[in-house]
Each structure stands twice: as structure tokens, then as C-alpha cells.
Amino acid sequence: MSVKLPWFVEKYQEIDPEYGRVVGEVTTRAMQTQALDDKTKHLVVLALDALKGADEGVRVVAGQAREAGATEQEIQEVLRLAYFAGSMSFVKTFLHAYK
């Protein structure tokens, strides 16, 4: 399976070919999942990119998830889970205002 490297990894390879090659290899190996199908893999990466606030990553990976067969409802649910996972620590912290 061929992995399309993100544009910024390709750009980094131009700037620092030696280390860029390593970054490219790690990216390729991470994206060549065996136990996860493509749709699941892209949905997981979508949630992680959303948590990081990676706007372009969310746009690109959502498209890849759709191409792999993800429905709009699956994308919506994954983004809701990402919100839930990323925001609960805030609610816990909010409680300190009432001590």
C-alpha cells in the first residue's frame, strides 16, 4: 500500500533530507496499519487531528475517511468523541473555582 506523505513532510525532506527521510519512514509505517482497515485508521487520525487543532489535517483526513467509506454520521460521531475526550479535563478544572 502506498502512503501519500503530508505536504509538510515532503517539504521538510527538501530542507533536511537525512532527517526528513526518517520522518517520512515513520509516517509511512504508522499509516500502513494491518489490524485497522483504512476507514477506521482515517477516523482515528481525524479525531487526533481535531484534538490537536490541525485545521488542514482535519479537512484532508475527513476527505480520506470519506474515500475509505466513512459516512457523514461516522465523521460526526468521531468528532463528537474527540470533543468529549478533549474537553472533560476542562470541566474537572472548572470545579476548582467552587472550592
N, C-alpha and C. Protein backbone atom coordinates (compact mmCIF):
# COMPACT_ATOMS: atom_id res chain seq x y z
N MET A 1 0.84 -1.18 0.00
CA MET A 1 0.00 0.00 0.00
C MET A 1 0.88 1.25 0.00
N SER A 2 0.59 2.14 -0.86
CA SER A 2 1.36 3.38 -0.97
C SER A 2 0.75 4.44 -0.05
N VAL A 3 1.63 5.15 0.66
CA VAL A 3 1.19 6.21 1.55
C VAL A 3 1.60 7.55 0.96
N LYS A 4 0.63 8.46 0.84
CA LYS A 4 0.92 9.82 0.38
C LYS A 4 1.34 10.62 1.60
N LEU A 5 2.58 11.08 1.58
CA LEU A 5 3.09 11.86 2.70
C LEU A 5 2.42 13.24 2.73
N PRO A 6 2.16 13.77 3.92
CA PRO A 6 1.64 15.14 4.00
C PRO A 6 2.62 16.11 3.36
N TRP A 7 2.10 17.20 2.81
CA TRP A 7 2.93 18.17 2.10
C TRP A 7 4.06 18.68 2.97
N PHE A 8 3.81 18.85 4.26
CA PHE A 8 4.83 19.42 5.14
C PHE A 8 5.96 18.44 5.42
N VAL A 9 5.66 17.14 5.36
CA VAL A 9 6.74 16.14 5.48
C VAL A 9 7.60 16.18 4.22
N GLU A 10 6.95 16.27 3.07
CA GLU A 10 7.71 16.38 1.81
C GLU A 10 8.58 17.63 1.81
N LYS A 11 8.04 18.74 2.30
CA LYS A 11 8.79 20.00 2.35
C LYS A 11 9.98 19.85 3.31
N TYR A 12 9.76 19.21 4.44
CA TYR A 12 10.84 19.01 5.41
C TYR A 12 11.94 18.13 4.82
N GLN A 13 11.56 17.16 4.00
CA GLN A 13 12.55 16.31 3.35
C GLN A 13 13.46 17.12 2.42
N GLU A 14 12.91 18.18 1.83
CA GLU A 14 13.73 19.05 0.97
C GLU A 14 14.72 19.86 1.81
N ILE A 15 14.28 20.29 2.99
CA ILE A 15 15.11 21.13 3.85
C ILE A 15 16.19 20.33 4.55
N ASP A 16 15.82 19.17 5.06
CA ASP A 16 16.75 18.30 5.80
C ASP A 16 16.55 16.87 5.30
N PRO A 17 17.18 16.53 4.17
CA PRO A 17 16.95 15.23 3.55
C PRO A 17 17.22 14.04 4.48
N GLU A 18 18.26 14.13 5.28
CA GLU A 18 18.61 12.99 6.14
C GLU A 18 17.52 12.71 7.18
N TYR A 19 17.17 13.72 7.94
CA TYR A 19 16.15 13.53 8.98
C TYR A 19 14.75 13.47 8.36
N GLY A 20 14.55 14.19 7.26
CA GLY A 20 13.27 14.13 6.57
C GLY A 20 12.94 12.73 6.10
N ARG A 21 13.98 11.99 5.71
CA ARG A 21 13.77 10.59 5.31
C ARG A 21 13.24 9.78 6.49
N VAL A 22 13.81 10.01 7.67
CA VAL A 22 13.37 9.31 8.88
C VAL A 22 11.92 9.65 9.20
N VAL A 23 11.59 10.93 9.14
CA VAL A 23 10.21 11.37 9.40
C VAL A 23 9.26 10.72 8.39
N GLY A 24 9.67 10.67 7.15
CA GLY A 24 8.86 10.04 6.11
C GLY A 24 8.65 8.56 6.35
N GLU A 25 9.71 7.88 6.79
CA GLU A 25 9.60 6.44 7.08
C GLU A 25 8.67 6.17 8.25
N VAL A 26 8.78 6.98 9.30
CA VAL A 26 7.90 6.81 10.46
C VAL A 26 6.44 7.06 10.06
N THR A 27 6.22 8.10 9.28
CA THR A 27 4.87 8.42 8.81
C THR A 27 4.31 7.26 7.99
N THR A 28 5.11 6.75 7.08
CA THR A 28 4.68 5.65 6.23
C THR A 28 4.36 4.41 7.05
N ARG A 29 5.23 4.06 7.97
CA ARG A 29 4.99 2.86 8.80
C ARG A 29 3.75 3.03 9.66
N ALA A 30 3.56 4.21 10.24
CA ALA A 30 2.38 4.43 11.08
C ALA A 30 1.09 4.30 10.28
N MET A 31 1.10 4.77 9.05
CA MET A 31 -0.11 4.76 8.23
C MET A 31 -0.35 3.43 7.52
N GLN A 32 0.61 2.53 7.56
CA GLN A 32 0.42 1.21 6.95
C GLN A 32 -0.08 0.23 8.00
N THR A 33 -1.31 0.46 8.47
CA THR A 33 -1.88 -0.38 9.50
C THR A 33 -2.22 -1.75 8.94
N GLN A 34 -2.21 -2.72 9.82
CA GLN A 34 -2.58 -4.08 9.42
C GLN A 34 -3.88 -4.52 10.08
N ALA A 35 -4.03 -4.20 11.36
CA ALA A 35 -5.23 -4.62 12.08
C ALA A 35 -6.41 -3.67 11.84
N LEU A 36 -6.11 -2.41 11.50
CA LEU A 36 -7.18 -1.43 11.25
C LEU A 36 -7.43 -1.29 9.76
N ASP A 37 -8.69 -1.28 9.38
CA ASP A 37 -8.99 -1.02 7.98
C ASP A 37 -8.79 0.47 7.71
N ASP A 38 -8.77 0.85 6.44
CA ASP A 38 -8.49 2.24 6.07
C ASP A 38 -9.49 3.22 6.67
N LYS A 39 -10.76 2.87 6.66
CA LYS A 39 -11.78 3.78 7.19
C LYS A 39 -11.53 4.04 8.67
N THR A 40 -11.31 2.98 9.44
CA THR A 40 -11.07 3.13 10.88
C THR A 40 -9.81 3.94 11.13
N LYS A 41 -8.75 3.63 10.39
CA LYS A 41 -7.48 4.36 10.54
C LYS A 41 -7.69 5.85 10.32
N HIS A 42 -8.39 6.21 9.26
CA HIS A 42 -8.59 7.63 8.97
C HIS A 42 -9.51 8.29 10.00
N LEU A 43 -10.47 7.57 10.53
CA LEU A 43 -11.32 8.13 11.56
C LEU A 43 -10.53 8.41 12.85
N VAL A 44 -9.62 7.52 13.19
CA VAL A 44 -8.77 7.73 14.37
C VAL A 44 -7.88 8.95 14.16
N VAL A 45 -7.24 9.03 12.99
CA VAL A 45 -6.37 10.17 12.71
C VAL A 45 -7.17 11.46 12.67
N LEU A 46 -8.40 11.40 12.17
CA LEU A 46 -9.28 12.57 12.16
C LEU A 46 -9.51 13.08 13.58
N ALA A 47 -9.83 12.18 14.49
CA ALA A 47 -10.05 12.57 15.88
C ALA A 47 -8.79 13.19 16.48
N LEU A 48 -7.65 12.61 16.21
CA LEU A 48 -6.39 13.13 16.76
C LEU A 48 -6.06 14.50 16.18
N ASP A 49 -6.25 14.66 14.87
CA ASP A 49 -6.00 15.97 14.26
C ASP A 49 -6.96 17.03 14.82
N ALA A 50 -8.21 16.64 15.05
CA ALA A 50 -9.17 17.58 15.62
C ALA A 50 -8.73 18.00 17.02
N LEU A 51 -8.26 17.06 17.81
CA LEU A 51 -7.79 17.38 19.17
C LEU A 51 -6.58 18.30 19.15
N LYS A 52 -5.73 18.15 18.13
CA LYS A 52 -4.54 19.00 18.00
C LYS A 52 -4.86 20.37 17.44
N GLY A 53 -6.05 20.52 16.89
CA GLY A 53 -6.40 21.78 16.24
C GLY A 53 -5.75 21.92 14.87
N ALA A 54 -5.51 20.80 14.21
CA ALA A 54 -4.86 20.80 12.90
C ALA A 54 -5.93 20.98 11.81
N ASP A 55 -6.24 22.24 11.51
CA ASP A 55 -7.33 22.55 10.58
C ASP A 55 -7.19 21.84 9.24
N GLU A 56 -6.03 22.00 8.62
CA GLU A 56 -5.83 21.38 7.30
C GLU A 56 -5.87 19.86 7.40
N GLY A 57 -5.28 19.33 8.47
CA GLY A 57 -5.31 17.88 8.67
C GLY A 57 -6.73 17.35 8.78
N VAL A 58 -7.58 18.06 9.51
CA VAL A 58 -8.97 17.65 9.66
C VAL A 58 -9.66 17.63 8.28
N ARG A 59 -9.43 18.67 7.50
CA ARG A 59 -10.05 18.73 6.17
C ARG A 59 -9.57 17.59 5.28
N VAL A 60 -8.26 17.38 5.25
CA VAL A 60 -7.69 16.34 4.38
C VAL A 60 -8.10 14.95 4.85
N VAL A 61 -7.97 14.69 6.14
CA VAL A 61 -8.25 13.34 6.65
C VAL A 61 -9.74 13.02 6.59
N ALA A 62 -10.60 14.02 6.78
CA ALA A 62 -12.04 13.77 6.63
C ALA A 62 -12.33 13.31 5.20
N GLY A 63 -11.68 13.95 4.23
CA GLY A 63 -11.84 13.51 2.84
C GLY A 63 -11.32 12.10 2.62
N GLN A 64 -10.20 11.78 3.22
CA GLN A 64 -9.64 10.42 3.10
C GLN A 64 -10.58 9.41 3.76
N ALA A 65 -11.17 9.78 4.89
CA ALA A 65 -12.11 8.88 5.56
C ALA A 65 -13.34 8.64 4.67
N ARG A 66 -13.82 9.70 4.05
CA ARG A 66 -14.96 9.54 3.14
C ARG A 66 -14.60 8.63 1.97
N GLU A 67 -13.41 8.83 1.40
CA GLU A 67 -12.96 7.98 0.29
C GLU A 67 -12.85 6.52 0.73
N ALA A 68 -12.56 6.29 2.01
CA ALA A 68 -12.43 4.93 2.53
C ALA A 68 -13.78 4.36 2.96
N GLY A 69 -14.85 5.15 2.76
CA GLY A 69 -16.19 4.64 3.02
C GLY A 69 -16.87 5.18 4.26
N ALA A 70 -16.27 6.12 4.97
CA ALA A 70 -16.90 6.70 6.16
C ALA A 70 -18.11 7.54 5.76
N THR A 71 -19.14 7.44 6.54
CA THR A 71 -20.35 8.23 6.31
C THR A 71 -20.23 9.56 7.06
N GLU A 72 -21.10 10.48 6.72
CA GLU A 72 -21.13 11.76 7.43
C GLU A 72 -21.45 11.54 8.91
N GLN A 73 -22.33 10.58 9.19
CA GLN A 73 -22.67 10.29 10.59
C GLN A 73 -21.45 9.75 11.34
N GLU A 74 -20.66 8.89 10.72
CA GLU A 74 -19.46 8.37 11.38
C GLU A 74 -18.46 9.50 11.66
N ILE A 75 -18.29 10.38 10.70
CA ILE A 75 -17.38 11.52 10.89
C ILE A 75 -17.89 12.41 12.02
N GLN A 76 -19.17 12.67 12.02
CA GLN A 76 -19.78 13.50 13.07
C GLN A 76 -19.57 12.86 14.44
N GLU A 77 -19.79 11.56 14.56
CA GLU A 77 -19.65 10.89 15.85
C GLU A 77 -18.19 10.87 16.32
N VAL A 78 -17.26 10.69 15.40
CA VAL A 78 -15.85 10.71 15.76
C VAL A 78 -15.46 12.09 16.27
N LEU A 79 -15.93 13.14 15.61
CA LEU A 79 -15.61 14.50 16.06
C LEU A 79 -16.26 14.80 17.41
N ARG A 80 -17.43 14.26 17.65
CA ARG A 80 -18.07 14.43 18.97
C ARG A 80 -17.26 13.71 20.05
N LEU A 81 -16.77 12.52 19.73
CA LEU A 81 -15.93 11.80 20.69
C LEU A 81 -14.64 12.55 20.97
N ALA A 82 -14.07 13.15 19.93
CA ALA A 82 -12.84 13.93 20.12
C ALA A 82 -13.12 15.12 21.03
N TYR A 83 -14.23 15.78 20.81
CA TYR A 83 -14.61 16.91 21.67
C TYR A 83 -14.76 16.44 23.11
N PHE A 84 -15.47 15.35 23.29
CA PHE A 84 -15.69 14.80 24.63
C PHE A 84 -14.36 14.47 25.31
N ALA A 85 -13.50 13.75 24.61
CA ALA A 85 -12.21 13.35 25.18
C ALA A 85 -11.33 14.55 25.49
N GLY A 86 -11.38 15.55 24.65
CA GLY A 86 -10.53 16.72 24.83
C GLY A 86 -11.05 17.74 25.82
N SER A 87 -12.34 17.71 26.12
CA SER A 87 -12.91 18.77 26.94
C SER A 87 -13.20 18.38 28.38
N MET A 88 -13.21 17.12 28.70
CA MET A 88 -13.58 16.72 30.06
C MET A 88 -12.59 17.22 31.11
N SER A 89 -11.33 17.35 30.74
CA SER A 89 -10.36 17.86 31.71
C SER A 89 -10.68 19.31 32.07
N PHE A 90 -11.28 20.06 31.14
CA PHE A 90 -11.68 21.43 31.44
C PHE A 90 -12.78 21.45 32.49
N VAL A 91 -13.76 20.58 32.34
CA VAL A 91 -14.87 20.53 33.29
C VAL A 91 -14.33 20.19 34.69
N LYS A 92 -13.43 19.24 34.75
CA LYS A 92 -12.81 18.86 36.03
C LYS A 92 -12.09 20.07 36.63
N THR A 93 -11.36 20.82 35.81
CA THR A 93 -10.65 22.01 36.28
C THR A 93 -11.62 23.09 36.74
N PHE A 94 -12.74 23.24 36.02
CA PHE A 94 -13.74 24.25 36.38
C PHE A 94 -14.18 24.09 37.84
N LEU A 95 -14.26 22.86 38.31
CA LEU A 95 -14.75 22.60 39.66
C LEU A 95 -13.89 23.25 40.73
N HIS A 96 -12.63 23.52 40.41
CA HIS A 96 -11.73 24.17 41.37
C HIS A 96 -12.18 25.60 41.68
N ALA A 97 -12.97 26.19 40.83
CA ALA A 97 -13.49 27.52 41.09
C ALA A 97 -14.52 27.51 42.22
N TYR A 98 -15.01 26.36 42.58
CA TYR A 98 -16.06 26.27 43.59
C TYR A 98 -15.58 25.66 44.90
N LYS A 99 -14.26 25.58 45.08
CA LYS A 99 -13.71 25.04 46.33
C LYS A 99 -13.47 26.14 47.31
